[in-house]
Amino acid sequence: MGDYWHDIQDIGPTIDEAKESDYVILLSHNPDYAERIETDRIDLVLSGHTHGGQVTFFGLFAPYTNSKYSQKYIAGFAETDHATMYVTRGVGTTFLPVRFFARPEITAIKLQKE
């Protein structure tokens, strides 16, 4: 997908040829896009963007998340009406080069057939 804030969000070319039996993973830098998904054809959304809040109060609350949905997309798994997603804290920073109680992470997700 294109960037949520600076590009066109056209999910059609991403899923038009996906069959019901396909496992579809959508990469969307900004987790806020997941709230706009109106199809059940996407199995997993992988996002980042929020840097785990970057500066948090002991990992529990981030005063600024860079997300319209505030604390919902700081990090980890989240659900929307149509999608399951994982938001990584990543390793970088934005605006100020500082992280406080928002440990960086490199995420490995293992997919296996049930």
Protein backbone atom coordinates (compact mmCIF):
# COMPACT_ATOMS: atom_id res chain seq x y z
CA MET A 1 0.00 0.00 0.00
CA GLY A 2 1.04 3.55 -0.50
CA ASP A 3 1.76 5.72 2.52
CA TYR A 4 -1.43 6.56 4.41
CA TRP A 5 -0.68 10.28 4.66
CA HIS A 6 1.17 10.95 1.41
CA ASP A 7 0.01 8.47 -1.23
CA ILE A 8 -3.05 6.86 -2.78
CA GLN A 9 -4.75 4.12 -0.75
CA ASP A 10 -6.11 1.72 -3.39
CA ILE A 11 -6.44 -1.76 -1.93
CA GLY A 12 -7.90 -3.21 -5.14
CA PRO A 13 -4.63 -4.09 -6.89
CA THR A 14 -3.40 -5.66 -3.67
CA ILE A 15 -6.26 -8.12 -3.19
CA ASP A 16 -8.14 -8.37 -6.52
CA GLU A 17 -6.39 -11.57 -7.57
CA ALA A 18 -6.25 -13.14 -4.11
CA LYS A 19 -8.28 -16.31 -3.77
CA GLU A 20 -10.30 -17.15 -0.66
CA SER A 21 -7.76 -19.87 0.17
CA ASP A 22 -4.80 -17.43 0.00
CA TYR A 23 -3.27 -16.05 3.16
CA VAL A 24 -2.98 -12.30 2.51
CA ILE A 25 -0.54 -10.11 4.42
CA LEU A 26 -0.82 -6.36 3.91
CA LEU A 27 2.16 -4.13 4.68
CA SER A 28 1.06 -0.64 5.64
CA HIS A 29 3.58 1.63 7.29
CA ASN A 30 0.88 3.55 9.16
CA PRO A 31 -1.42 1.36 11.32
CA ASP A 32 -4.25 3.90 11.04
CA TYR A 33 -5.01 2.52 7.58
CA ALA A 34 -6.28 -0.72 9.13
CA GLU A 35 -9.37 1.16 10.35
CA ARG A 36 -10.31 1.83 6.71
CA ILE A 37 -10.16 -1.82 5.63
CA GLU A 38 -13.65 -2.98 4.69
CA THR A 39 -12.91 -6.50 3.47
CA ASP A 40 -12.29 -9.81 5.20
CA ARG A 41 -9.80 -10.88 2.49
CA ILE A 42 -6.78 -9.61 4.43
CA ASP A 43 -5.56 -12.00 7.10
CA LEU A 44 -2.78 -9.93 8.69
CA VAL A 45 -1.66 -6.31 8.53
CA LEU A 46 1.93 -5.46 9.46
CA SER A 47 2.67 -1.88 10.43
CA GLY A 48 5.09 0.34 12.30
CA HIS A 49 5.11 4.14 12.33
CA THR A 50 4.34 4.77 15.99
CA HIS A 51 7.76 3.69 17.34
CA GLY A 52 6.10 2.22 20.42
CA GLY A 53 5.15 5.73 21.46
CA GLN A 54 8.87 6.58 21.44
CA VAL A 55 8.59 8.32 24.80
CA THR A 56 6.34 6.57 27.31
CA PHE A 57 5.62 6.59 30.99
CA PHE A 58 7.23 3.27 31.91
CA GLY A 59 5.88 1.62 28.77
CA LEU A 60 2.27 2.07 29.89
CA PHE A 61 1.20 5.35 28.29
CA ALA A 62 2.61 7.47 25.47
CA PRO A 63 1.66 11.15 25.52
CA TYR A 64 2.14 11.26 21.72
CA THR A 65 1.69 8.26 19.41
CA ASN A 66 1.60 9.75 15.90
CA SER A 67 -1.69 7.89 15.41
CA LYS A 68 -5.25 9.14 15.21
CA TYR A 69 -6.19 6.17 17.42
CA SER A 70 -3.81 7.08 20.25
CA GLN A 71 -2.76 4.17 22.47
CA LYS A 72 -4.45 1.45 20.34
CA TYR A 73 -1.52 1.27 17.94
CA ILE A 74 1.50 1.85 20.15
CA ALA A 75 2.79 -1.70 19.61
CA GLY A 76 1.81 -5.34 19.43
CA PHE A 77 -1.32 -7.06 18.17
CA ALA A 78 -4.53 -5.12 17.61
CA GLU A 79 -7.89 -5.92 16.05
CA THR A 80 -10.21 -3.95 13.80
CA ASP A 81 -13.61 -4.99 12.46
CA HIS A 82 -11.96 -6.64 9.44
CA ALA A 83 -8.32 -7.24 10.25
CA THR A 84 -5.76 -8.51 12.72
CA MET A 85 -2.60 -6.49 12.81
CA TYR A 86 0.80 -6.33 14.40
CA VAL A 87 2.47 -2.98 15.02
CA THR A 88 6.20 -3.17 15.59
CA ARG A 89 8.05 -0.63 17.74
CA GLY A 90 10.86 -0.75 15.20
CA VAL A 91 14.36 0.51 15.87
CA GLY A 92 14.24 4.14 14.76
CA THR A 93 12.94 7.44 15.99
CA THR A 94 11.05 10.37 14.52
CA PHE A 95 11.36 14.09 15.20
CA LEU A 96 13.65 13.78 18.24
CA PRO A 97 16.37 11.09 18.31
CA VAL A 98 15.30 9.71 21.69
CA ARG A 99 13.40 6.72 23.08
CA PHE A 100 12.26 6.44 26.69
CA PHE A 101 10.68 3.21 27.95
CA ALA A 102 9.82 2.32 24.34
CA ARG A 103 12.41 -0.37 23.71
CA PRO A 104 13.27 -0.87 20.05
CA GLU A 105 12.38 -4.24 18.54
CA ILE A 106 12.99 -6.33 15.49
CA THR A 107 10.01 -8.61 15.06
CA ALA A 108 10.06 -12.13 13.66
CA ILE A 109 6.68 -13.61 12.82
CA LYS A 110 6.51 -17.32 12.10
CA LEU A 111 3.64 -18.41 9.87
CA GLN A 112 2.63 -22.04 9.98
CA LYS A 113 -0.13 -24.06 8.46
CA GLU A 114 -2.76 -25.33 10.89
